[in-house]
Amino acid sequence: MSIEAAVAALKEGQIVGVPTDTLYGLAADPYRQDALESIFMLKGRPQVKPLAILVASIDQAMSLAMFTDRALDLADQHWPGALTLVVPRLDNTPDWLGHAARHSIGLRCPDHPVALELLEASGPLAVTSANITTKPAATNDEEARAYFGDDVAVYLEGEAPGGTASTILDLTEESELVLREGPIAG
């Protein structure tokens, strides 16, 4: 399937499969709460666990969140790449994105040509690993299709060469906190 087909499906609130540098992912339009709810239901994922937002650039990320000098330095060093930064979200960012009580959002710019092409065409996307919760994450479109079949509108072809979820670093407090170990060492 094509990037154009994926963008059209996303605009209709459908879920799209996309390869990233870490794992194969399920993507949805973050501005459509119904689309995000569909991902949670499809995966069997608790809604208290926020979805990361993938972006094509620091500029896209800054349309959703506030970046301190430290956050900008880390993004410059590790984006595109396997580092998710949890930062304060902007007031105009929808309440259902990120962690509502902490007013924060996790953002990442993936280092994968297909993911970046999609993000440049669609804008930021809510993305999570393509798997049923508690099952191993898919690393390519064929594995994702085996999990979800026709429940995903479009599967973009490709492999996720990393095979490991991104490092998540919380920058919302004075002391940085690694929320998930991953390929980027703290």
N, C-alpha and C. Protein backbone atom coordinates (compact mmCIF):
# COMPACT_ATOMS: atom_id res chain seq x y z
N MET A 1 0.84 -1.19 0.00
CA MET A 1 0.00 0.00 0.00
C MET A 1 0.88 1.25 0.00
N SER A 2 0.29 2.35 -0.37
CA SER A 2 1.05 3.58 -0.54
C SER A 2 0.88 4.53 0.65
N ILE A 3 1.78 5.50 0.71
CA ILE A 3 1.69 6.56 1.72
C ILE A 3 0.37 7.30 1.56
N GLU A 4 -0.04 7.55 0.32
CA GLU A 4 -1.30 8.27 0.06
C GLU A 4 -2.49 7.51 0.64
N ALA A 5 -2.51 6.18 0.44
CA ALA A 5 -3.59 5.35 0.99
C ALA A 5 -3.57 5.40 2.52
N ALA A 6 -2.39 5.40 3.10
CA ALA A 6 -2.27 5.47 4.56
C ALA A 6 -2.79 6.80 5.09
N VAL A 7 -2.42 7.90 4.45
CA VAL A 7 -2.89 9.22 4.88
C VAL A 7 -4.40 9.32 4.77
N ALA A 8 -4.96 8.80 3.68
CA ALA A 8 -6.42 8.83 3.50
C ALA A 8 -7.11 8.03 4.61
N ALA A 9 -6.57 6.87 4.94
CA ALA A 9 -7.15 6.04 6.00
C ALA A 9 -7.07 6.75 7.35
N LEU A 10 -5.93 7.37 7.63
CA LEU A 10 -5.76 8.10 8.89
C LEU A 10 -6.79 9.22 9.01
N LYS A 11 -7.02 9.95 7.93
CA LYS A 11 -7.99 11.06 7.95
C LYS A 11 -9.41 10.56 8.23
N GLU A 12 -9.67 9.28 7.87
CA GLU A 12 -10.98 8.69 8.13
C GLU A 12 -11.07 8.08 9.53
N GLY A 13 -10.01 8.23 10.33
CA GLY A 13 -10.03 7.69 11.69
C GLY A 13 -9.64 6.23 11.77
N GLN A 14 -9.05 5.70 10.69
CA GLN A 14 -8.66 4.30 10.69
C GLN A 14 -7.23 4.13 11.19
N ILE A 15 -6.87 2.90 11.51
CA ILE A 15 -5.55 2.56 12.02
C ILE A 15 -4.67 2.10 10.86
N VAL A 16 -3.41 2.51 10.90
CA VAL A 16 -2.45 2.20 9.85
C VAL A 16 -1.23 1.54 10.49
N GLY A 17 -0.69 0.52 9.82
CA GLY A 17 0.55 -0.12 10.26
C GLY A 17 1.73 0.56 9.60
N VAL A 18 2.79 0.82 10.40
CA VAL A 18 3.95 1.53 9.88
C VAL A 18 5.24 0.98 10.51
N PRO A 19 6.26 0.72 9.66
CA PRO A 19 7.54 0.31 10.23
C PRO A 19 8.26 1.51 10.83
N THR A 20 8.95 1.30 11.94
CA THR A 20 9.80 2.34 12.51
C THR A 20 11.18 1.75 12.73
N ASP A 21 12.07 2.53 13.27
CA ASP A 21 13.42 2.07 13.53
C ASP A 21 13.49 1.12 14.73
N THR A 22 12.46 1.10 15.56
CA THR A 22 12.47 0.28 16.77
C THR A 22 11.61 -0.97 16.59
N LEU A 23 10.30 -0.78 16.42
CA LEU A 23 9.34 -1.87 16.24
C LEU A 23 8.35 -1.47 15.15
N TYR A 24 7.62 -2.44 14.63
CA TYR A 24 6.54 -2.12 13.70
C TYR A 24 5.42 -1.54 14.55
N GLY A 25 4.75 -0.48 14.06
CA GLY A 25 3.77 0.21 14.89
C GLY A 25 2.38 0.29 14.30
N LEU A 26 1.44 0.61 15.17
CA LEU A 26 0.08 0.95 14.79
C LEU A 26 -0.06 2.44 14.98
N ALA A 27 -0.54 3.13 13.94
CA ALA A 27 -0.63 4.59 13.96
C ALA A 27 -2.07 5.05 13.80
N ALA A 28 -2.37 6.19 14.44
CA ALA A 28 -3.68 6.82 14.32
C ALA A 28 -3.51 8.33 14.37
N ASP A 29 -4.51 9.02 13.86
CA ASP A 29 -4.54 10.48 13.90
C ASP A 29 -4.72 10.90 15.36
N PRO A 30 -3.74 11.61 15.94
CA PRO A 30 -3.83 11.96 17.36
C PRO A 30 -4.92 12.98 17.67
N TYR A 31 -5.44 13.64 16.64
CA TYR A 31 -6.48 14.64 16.85
C TYR A 31 -7.88 14.02 16.80
N ARG A 32 -7.94 12.72 16.60
CA ARG A 32 -9.21 11.99 16.58
C ARG A 32 -9.25 11.05 17.78
N GLN A 33 -9.97 11.45 18.79
CA GLN A 33 -10.05 10.64 20.00
C GLN A 33 -10.62 9.26 19.71
N ASP A 34 -11.56 9.17 18.77
CA ASP A 34 -12.14 7.88 18.42
C ASP A 34 -11.10 6.94 17.82
N ALA A 35 -10.17 7.48 17.06
CA ALA A 35 -9.11 6.66 16.45
C ALA A 35 -8.18 6.11 17.54
N LEU A 36 -7.87 6.94 18.53
CA LEU A 36 -7.01 6.47 19.62
C LEU A 36 -7.71 5.40 20.44
N GLU A 37 -8.99 5.59 20.68
CA GLU A 37 -9.75 4.58 21.41
C GLU A 37 -9.75 3.26 20.66
N SER A 38 -9.78 3.32 19.32
CA SER A 38 -9.74 2.11 18.51
C SER A 38 -8.43 1.35 18.71
N ILE A 39 -7.32 2.07 18.79
CA ILE A 39 -6.03 1.41 19.03
C ILE A 39 -6.02 0.72 20.39
N PHE A 40 -6.49 1.41 21.41
CA PHE A 40 -6.53 0.82 22.75
C PHE A 40 -7.37 -0.46 22.74
N MET A 41 -8.51 -0.41 22.10
CA MET A 41 -9.39 -1.59 22.06
C MET A 41 -8.75 -2.72 21.25
N LEU A 42 -8.17 -2.39 20.11
CA LEU A 42 -7.56 -3.40 19.24
C LEU A 42 -6.44 -4.14 19.96
N LYS A 43 -5.62 -3.40 20.69
CA LYS A 43 -4.48 -4.00 21.40
C LYS A 43 -4.86 -4.63 22.73
N GLY A 44 -5.99 -4.21 23.30
CA GLY A 44 -6.31 -4.62 24.65
C GLY A 44 -5.42 -3.89 25.64
N ARG A 45 -5.07 -2.64 25.30
CA ARG A 45 -4.15 -1.85 26.11
C ARG A 45 -4.94 -0.94 27.06
N PRO A 46 -4.54 -0.87 28.33
CA PRO A 46 -5.22 0.04 29.26
C PRO A 46 -5.08 1.50 28.81
N GLN A 47 -6.18 2.24 28.86
CA GLN A 47 -6.14 3.63 28.41
C GLN A 47 -5.36 4.55 29.35
N VAL A 48 -4.97 4.05 30.51
CA VAL A 48 -4.18 4.86 31.44
C VAL A 48 -2.72 4.93 30.99
N LYS A 49 -2.35 4.12 30.01
CA LYS A 49 -0.98 4.09 29.49
C LYS A 49 -0.95 4.89 28.18
N PRO A 50 -0.51 6.15 28.23
CA PRO A 50 -0.60 7.01 27.05
C PRO A 50 0.21 6.50 25.86
N LEU A 51 -0.23 6.87 24.67
CA LEU A 51 0.47 6.55 23.44
C LEU A 51 1.51 7.62 23.15
N ALA A 52 2.65 7.19 22.61
CA ALA A 52 3.66 8.16 22.17
C ALA A 52 3.19 8.80 20.87
N ILE A 53 3.68 9.99 20.65
CA ILE A 53 3.39 10.70 19.40
C ILE A 53 4.68 10.74 18.59
N LEU A 54 4.61 10.23 17.36
CA LEU A 54 5.76 10.30 16.47
C LEU A 54 5.65 11.55 15.61
N VAL A 55 6.80 12.17 15.39
CA VAL A 55 6.88 13.41 14.61
C VAL A 55 7.98 13.27 13.57
N ALA A 56 7.89 14.10 12.54
CA ALA A 56 8.90 14.08 11.48
C ALA A 56 10.06 15.02 11.78
N SER A 57 9.88 15.92 12.77
CA SER A 57 10.89 16.93 13.03
C SER A 57 10.69 17.56 14.40
N ILE A 58 11.69 18.29 14.83
CA ILE A 58 11.57 19.05 16.08
C ILE A 58 10.48 20.10 15.94
N ASP A 59 10.36 20.71 14.76
CA ASP A 59 9.30 21.70 14.54
C ASP A 59 7.92 21.09 14.77
N GLN A 60 7.67 19.88 14.24
CA GLN A 60 6.39 19.23 14.49
C GLN A 60 6.20 18.98 15.98
N ALA A 61 7.25 18.55 16.66
CA ALA A 61 7.16 18.28 18.09
C ALA A 61 6.82 19.54 18.87
N MET A 62 7.40 20.65 18.46
CA MET A 62 7.17 21.91 19.18
C MET A 62 5.77 22.46 18.94
N SER A 63 5.02 21.89 18.00
CA SER A 63 3.63 22.29 17.82
C SER A 63 2.73 21.62 18.87
N LEU A 64 3.29 20.66 19.60
CA LEU A 64 2.53 19.92 20.61
C LEU A 64 3.02 20.12 22.03
N ALA A 65 4.29 20.49 22.18
CA ALA A 65 4.89 20.49 23.51
C ALA A 65 5.91 21.61 23.69
N MET A 66 6.23 21.85 24.96
CA MET A 66 7.26 22.84 25.32
C MET A 66 8.60 22.12 25.44
N PHE A 67 9.62 22.68 24.84
CA PHE A 67 10.95 22.09 24.88
C PHE A 67 11.90 23.02 25.62
N THR A 68 12.50 22.52 26.68
CA THR A 68 13.55 23.25 27.38
C THR A 68 14.83 23.15 26.53
N ASP A 69 15.85 23.88 26.92
CA ASP A 69 17.13 23.77 26.23
C ASP A 69 17.65 22.33 26.29
N ARG A 70 17.47 21.66 27.43
CA ARG A 70 17.92 20.28 27.58
C ARG A 70 17.17 19.36 26.61
N ALA A 71 15.85 19.54 26.52
CA ALA A 71 15.06 18.71 25.62
C ALA A 71 15.48 18.95 24.17
N LEU A 72 15.74 20.19 23.81
CA LEU A 72 16.20 20.50 22.45
C LEU A 72 17.56 19.87 22.18
N ASP A 73 18.47 19.93 23.16
CA ASP A 73 19.79 19.30 22.99
C ASP A 73 19.66 17.80 22.76
N LEU A 74 18.81 17.14 23.56
CA LEU A 74 18.62 15.69 23.42
C LEU A 74 17.99 15.35 22.07
N ALA A 75 17.01 16.14 21.65
CA ALA A 75 16.38 15.90 20.35
C ALA A 75 17.40 16.09 19.23
N ASP A 76 18.22 17.14 19.34
CA ASP A 76 19.27 17.37 18.33
C ASP A 76 20.25 16.20 18.25
N GLN A 77 20.60 15.64 19.40
CA GLN A 77 21.57 14.54 19.46
C GLN A 77 20.99 13.21 18.99
N HIS A 78 19.72 12.93 19.32
CA HIS A 78 19.18 11.58 19.17
C HIS A 78 18.03 11.43 18.19
N TRP A 79 17.57 12.52 17.59
CA TRP A 79 16.49 12.43 16.61
C TRP A 79 17.06 12.68 15.23
N PRO A 80 16.64 11.98 14.23
CA PRO A 80 15.78 10.82 14.38
C PRO A 80 16.51 9.70 15.12
N GLY A 81 15.73 8.95 15.90
CA GLY A 81 16.32 7.86 16.67
C GLY A 81 15.38 7.31 17.71
N ALA A 82 15.91 6.42 18.54
CA ALA A 82 15.11 5.62 19.46
C ALA A 82 14.97 6.24 20.85
N LEU A 83 14.80 7.56 20.91
CA LEU A 83 14.60 8.25 22.18
C LEU A 83 13.26 8.97 22.20
N THR A 84 12.40 8.56 23.14
CA THR A 84 11.13 9.24 23.37
C THR A 84 11.33 10.22 24.51
N LEU A 85 10.99 11.47 24.27
CA LEU A 85 11.12 12.51 25.30
C LEU A 85 9.74 12.85 25.85
N VAL A 86 9.59 12.76 27.17
CA VAL A 86 8.34 13.16 27.82
C VAL A 86 8.55 14.59 28.30
N VAL A 87 7.74 15.48 27.75
CA VAL A 87 7.87 16.91 28.00
C VAL A 87 6.49 17.51 28.27
N PRO A 88 6.42 18.73 28.83
CA PRO A 88 5.12 19.36 29.07
C PRO A 88 4.41 19.64 27.74
N ARG A 89 3.15 19.27 27.67
CA ARG A 89 2.41 19.54 26.44
C ARG A 89 1.87 20.97 26.45
N LEU A 90 1.64 21.50 25.26
CA LEU A 90 1.10 22.84 25.12
C LEU A 90 -0.38 22.85 25.51
N ASP A 91 -0.88 24.01 25.91
CA ASP A 91 -2.28 24.11 26.32
C ASP A 91 -3.26 23.79 25.19
N ASN A 92 -2.84 24.02 23.93
CA ASN A 92 -3.74 23.75 22.80
C ASN A 92 -3.68 22.29 22.32
N THR A 93 -2.85 21.47 22.95
CA THR A 93 -2.77 20.05 22.61
C THR A 93 -3.97 19.35 23.24
N PRO A 94 -4.68 18.51 22.48
CA PRO A 94 -5.89 17.86 23.02
C PRO A 94 -5.63 17.14 24.35
N ASP A 95 -6.61 17.23 25.24
CA ASP A 95 -6.51 16.64 26.57
C ASP A 95 -6.27 15.14 26.54
N TRP A 96 -6.76 14.46 25.51
CA TRP A 96 -6.63 13.00 25.46
C TRP A 96 -5.25 12.54 25.02
N LEU A 97 -4.36 13.45 24.66
CA LEU A 97 -3.00 13.08 24.27
C LEU A 97 -2.08 13.17 25.48
N GLY A 98 -1.24 12.16 25.62
CA GLY A 98 -0.27 12.16 26.70
C GLY A 98 -0.90 11.81 28.03
N HIS A 99 -0.28 12.28 29.07
CA HIS A 99 -0.71 12.01 30.45
C HIS A 99 -1.48 13.23 30.95
N ALA A 100 -2.80 13.09 31.05
CA ALA A 100 -3.66 14.22 31.38
C ALA A 100 -3.31 14.84 32.73
N ALA A 101 -3.16 14.03 33.76
CA ALA A 101 -2.92 14.55 35.11
C ALA A 101 -1.58 15.27 35.21
N ARG A 102 -0.59 14.78 34.44
CA ARG A 102 0.75 15.38 34.52
C ARG A 102 0.95 16.44 33.44
N HIS A 103 -0.05 16.60 32.55
CA HIS A 103 0.00 17.59 31.47
C HIS A 103 1.29 17.42 30.64
N SER A 104 1.61 16.14 30.34
CA SER A 104 2.84 15.83 29.60
C SER A 104 2.52 14.97 28.39
N ILE A 105 3.50 14.86 27.51
CA ILE A 105 3.33 14.08 26.28
C ILE A 105 4.68 13.48 25.90
N GLY A 106 4.66 12.24 25.39
CA GLY A 106 5.88 11.58 24.93
C GLY A 106 6.01 11.73 23.43
N LEU A 107 7.15 12.25 22.99
CA LEU A 107 7.38 12.53 21.56
C LEU A 107 8.66 11.85 21.09
N ARG A 108 8.63 11.39 19.82
CA ARG A 108 9.80 10.75 19.23
C ARG A 108 9.80 10.97 17.73
N CYS A 109 10.98 11.13 17.19
CA CYS A 109 11.18 11.21 15.74
C CYS A 109 11.91 9.93 15.32
N PRO A 110 11.22 9.03 14.59
CA PRO A 110 11.82 7.74 14.24
C PRO A 110 12.84 7.86 13.12
N ASP A 111 13.82 6.97 13.15
CA ASP A 111 14.86 6.95 12.12
C ASP A 111 14.55 5.83 11.12
N HIS A 112 13.45 6.00 10.40
CA HIS A 112 13.04 5.02 9.39
C HIS A 112 12.44 5.78 8.21
N PRO A 113 12.90 5.52 6.99
CA PRO A 113 12.44 6.32 5.85
C PRO A 113 10.94 6.24 5.59
N VAL A 114 10.32 5.06 5.78
CA VAL A 114 8.88 4.94 5.54
C VAL A 114 8.11 5.72 6.60
N ALA A 115 8.50 5.58 7.86
CA ALA A 115 7.82 6.32 8.94
C ALA A 115 7.96 7.82 8.73
N LEU A 116 9.15 8.28 8.39
CA LEU A 116 9.35 9.71 8.18
C LEU A 116 8.55 10.23 6.99
N GLU A 117 8.48 9.45 5.93
CA GLU A 117 7.68 9.87 4.76
C GLU A 117 6.21 10.00 5.15
N LEU A 118 5.71 9.04 5.92
CA LEU A 118 4.32 9.10 6.37
C LEU A 118 4.10 10.32 7.27
N LEU A 119 4.99 10.54 8.22
CA LEU A 119 4.84 11.67 9.15
C LEU A 119 4.93 13.01 8.46
N GLU A 120 5.75 13.11 7.43
CA GLU A 120 5.82 14.36 6.67
C GLU A 120 4.52 14.62 5.92
N ALA A 121 3.88 13.54 5.44
CA ALA A 121 2.62 13.68 4.70
C ALA A 121 1.42 13.88 5.62
N SER A 122 1.43 13.24 6.78
CA SER A 122 0.26 13.23 7.66
C SER A 122 0.34 14.22 8.80
N GLY A 123 1.53 14.59 9.23
CA GLY A 123 1.71 15.32 10.47
C GLY A 123 1.91 14.32 11.60
N PRO A 124 1.98 14.78 12.84
CA PRO A 124 2.23 13.89 13.99
C PRO A 124 1.20 12.76 14.05
N LEU A 125 1.65 11.61 14.54
CA LEU A 125 0.77 10.45 14.68
C LEU A 125 0.95 9.80 16.04
N ALA A 126 -0.16 9.33 16.61
CA ALA A 126 -0.10 8.53 17.83
C ALA A 126 0.27 7.12 17.39
N VAL A 127 1.33 6.57 17.98
CA VAL A 127 1.84 5.26 17.54
C VAL A 127 2.18 4.41 18.76
N THR A 128 1.90 3.12 18.62
CA THR A 128 2.24 2.13 19.63
C THR A 128 2.70 0.87 18.90
N SER A 129 3.37 0.00 19.61
CA SER A 129 3.85 -1.24 18.98
C SER A 129 2.67 -2.07 18.48
N ALA A 130 2.90 -2.76 17.37
CA ALA A 130 1.86 -3.60 16.76
C ALA A 130 1.88 -4.97 17.41
N ASN A 131 1.08 -5.13 18.43
CA ASN A 131 0.93 -6.40 19.12
C ASN A 131 -0.28 -6.34 20.03
N ILE A 132 -0.76 -7.51 20.38
CA ILE A 132 -1.77 -7.61 21.41
C ILE A 132 -1.02 -7.44 22.73
N THR A 133 -1.55 -6.67 23.65
CA THR A 133 -0.87 -6.46 24.93
C THR A 133 -0.50 -7.81 25.54
N THR A 134 0.70 -7.92 26.03
CA THR A 134 1.36 -9.10 26.61
C THR A 134 1.97 -10.04 25.57
N LYS A 135 1.74 -9.82 24.29
CA LYS A 135 2.33 -10.64 23.23
C LYS A 135 3.57 -9.93 22.67
N PRO A 136 4.49 -10.66 22.03
CA PRO A 136 5.67 -10.01 21.44
C PRO A 136 5.28 -8.99 20.36
N ALA A 137 6.04 -7.92 20.30
CA ALA A 137 5.77 -6.86 19.32
C ALA A 137 6.19 -7.30 17.92
N ALA A 138 5.39 -6.93 16.94
CA ALA A 138 5.71 -7.21 15.54
C ALA A 138 6.92 -6.39 15.12
N THR A 139 7.73 -6.97 14.25
CA THR A 139 8.88 -6.23 13.71
C THR A 139 8.75 -5.98 12.22
N ASN A 140 7.63 -6.44 11.61
CA ASN A 140 7.41 -6.15 10.20
C ASN A 140 5.91 -6.21 9.91
N ASP A 141 5.56 -5.84 8.68
CA ASP A 141 4.14 -5.76 8.31
C ASP A 141 3.47 -7.14 8.31
N GLU A 142 4.19 -8.20 7.96
CA GLU A 142 3.60 -9.53 7.94
C GLU A 142 3.22 -10.00 9.35
N GLU A 143 4.10 -9.76 10.32
CA GLU A 143 3.78 -10.13 11.71
C GLU A 143 2.59 -9.32 12.22
N ALA A 144 2.55 -8.03 11.89
CA ALA A 144 1.44 -7.18 12.33
C ALA A 144 0.13 -7.66 11.70
N ARG A 145 0.16 -8.01 10.43
CA ARG A 145 -1.04 -8.51 9.74
C ARG A 145 -1.53 -9.81 10.39
N ALA A 146 -0.60 -10.64 10.84
CA ALA A 146 -0.98 -11.89 11.51
C ALA A 146 -1.74 -11.60 12.81
N TYR A 147 -1.39 -10.52 13.51
CA TYR A 147 -2.09 -10.13 14.73
C TYR A 147 -3.47 -9.53 14.43
N PHE A 148 -3.51 -8.61 13.47
CA PHE A 148 -4.68 -7.74 13.34
C PHE A 148 -5.50 -7.91 12.07
N GLY A 149 -4.99 -8.58 11.06
CA GLY A 149 -5.76 -8.81 9.84
C GLY A 149 -6.37 -7.54 9.28
N ASP A 150 -7.65 -7.60 8.97
CA ASP A 150 -8.35 -6.47 8.34
C ASP A 150 -8.76 -5.38 9.33
N ASP A 151 -8.45 -5.54 10.62
CA ASP A 151 -8.77 -4.48 11.59
C ASP A 151 -7.87 -3.27 11.41
N VAL A 152 -6.77 -3.45 10.70
CA VAL A 152 -5.87 -2.33 10.35
C VAL A 152 -6.11 -2.03 8.87
N ALA A 153 -6.39 -0.76 8.56
CA ALA A 153 -6.80 -0.38 7.20
C ALA A 153 -5.69 -0.53 6.18
N VAL A 154 -4.48 -0.11 6.54
CA VAL A 154 -3.34 -0.12 5.62
C VAL A 154 -2.11 -0.58 6.38
N TYR A 155 -1.38 -1.49 5.77
CA TYR A 155 -0.07 -1.91 6.31
C TYR A 155 1.00 -1.41 5.35
N LEU A 156 1.82 -0.49 5.80
CA LEU A 156 2.96 -0.07 4.99
C LEU A 156 4.05 -1.12 5.13
N GLU A 157 4.60 -1.53 4.00
CA GLU A 157 5.61 -2.59 4.02
C GLU A 157 6.89 -2.11 4.68
N GLY A 158 7.54 -3.04 5.35
CA GLY A 158 8.84 -2.71 5.91
C GLY A 158 9.16 -3.46 7.18
N GLU A 159 10.44 -3.43 7.49
CA GLU A 159 11.01 -4.06 8.69
C GLU A 159 11.34 -2.98 9.71
N ALA A 160 11.29 -3.36 10.96
CA ALA A 160 11.76 -2.52 12.06
C ALA A 160 13.11 -3.10 12.49
N PRO A 161 14.22 -2.52 12.02
CA PRO A 161 15.52 -3.14 12.25
C PRO A 161 15.98 -3.17 13.70
N GLY A 162 15.47 -2.27 14.54
CA GLY A 162 15.93 -2.21 15.93
C GLY A 162 15.47 -3.38 16.77
N GLY A 163 14.18 -3.73 16.65
CA GLY A 163 13.63 -4.84 17.39
C GLY A 163 13.45 -4.62 18.88
N THR A 164 13.69 -3.40 19.34
CA THR A 164 13.57 -3.05 20.76
C THR A 164 12.84 -1.71 20.88
N ALA A 165 11.96 -1.60 21.85
CA ALA A 165 11.23 -0.35 22.07
C ALA A 165 12.19 0.78 22.43
N SER A 166 11.77 1.99 22.15
CA SER A 166 12.62 3.17 22.40
C SER A 166 12.87 3.39 23.89
N THR A 167 13.94 4.09 24.18
CA THR A 167 14.20 4.59 25.53
C THR A 167 13.20 5.72 25.78
N ILE A 168 12.61 5.76 26.97
CA ILE A 168 11.71 6.86 27.32
C ILE A 168 12.34 7.64 28.46
N LEU A 169 12.54 8.94 28.24
CA LEU A 169 13.16 9.82 29.22
C LEU A 169 12.18 10.92 29.60
N ASP A 170 11.84 11.00 30.88
CA ASP A 170 10.91 12.02 31.38
C ASP A 170 11.70 13.27 31.77
N LEU A 171 11.38 14.37 31.10
CA LEU A 171 12.05 15.65 31.37
C LEU A 171 11.12 16.66 32.03
N THR A 172 10.03 16.19 32.63
CA THR A 172 9.06 17.12 33.21
C THR A 172 9.39 17.56 34.62
N GLU A 173 10.31 16.88 35.26
CA GLU A 173 10.73 17.23 36.61
C GLU A 173 12.16 17.76 36.60
N GLU A 174 12.61 18.26 37.73
CA GLU A 174 13.98 18.78 37.81
C GLU A 174 15.01 17.70 37.51
N SER A 175 14.79 16.50 38.04
CA SER A 175 15.69 15.37 37.77
C SER A 175 15.12 14.54 36.63
N GLU A 176 15.96 14.27 35.63
CA GLU A 176 15.54 13.42 34.52
C GLU A 176 15.29 12.01 35.03
N LEU A 177 14.30 11.33 34.46
CA LEU A 177 13.95 10.00 34.90
C LEU A 177 13.78 9.09 33.69
N VAL A 178 14.51 7.98 33.64
CA VAL A 178 14.35 6.99 32.58
C VAL A 178 13.12 6.16 32.94
N LEU A 179 12.07 6.25 32.11
CA LEU A 179 10.84 5.50 32.35
C LEU A 179 10.89 4.12 31.71
N ARG A 180 11.69 3.98 30.64
CA ARG A 180 11.88 2.68 30.01
C ARG A 180 13.29 2.64 29.42
N GLU A 181 14.03 1.60 29.78
CA GLU A 181 15.35 1.37 29.18
C GLU A 181 15.15 0.97 27.74
N GLY A 182 16.07 1.38 26.89
CA GLY A 182 16.00 1.03 25.49
C GLY A 182 17.35 1.20 24.83
N PRO A 183 17.39 1.40 23.53
CA PRO A 183 18.64 1.46 22.79
C PRO A 183 19.53 2.65 23.12
N ILE A 184 18.93 3.75 23.60
CA ILE A 184 19.72 4.95 23.94
C ILE A 184 20.06 4.89 25.41
N ALA A 185 21.35 4.86 25.73
CA ALA A 185 21.78 4.81 27.13
C ALA A 185 21.65 6.17 27.78
N GLY A 186 21.22 6.17 29.05
CA GLY A 186 21.05 7.42 29.79
C GLY A 186 22.33 7.90 30.28
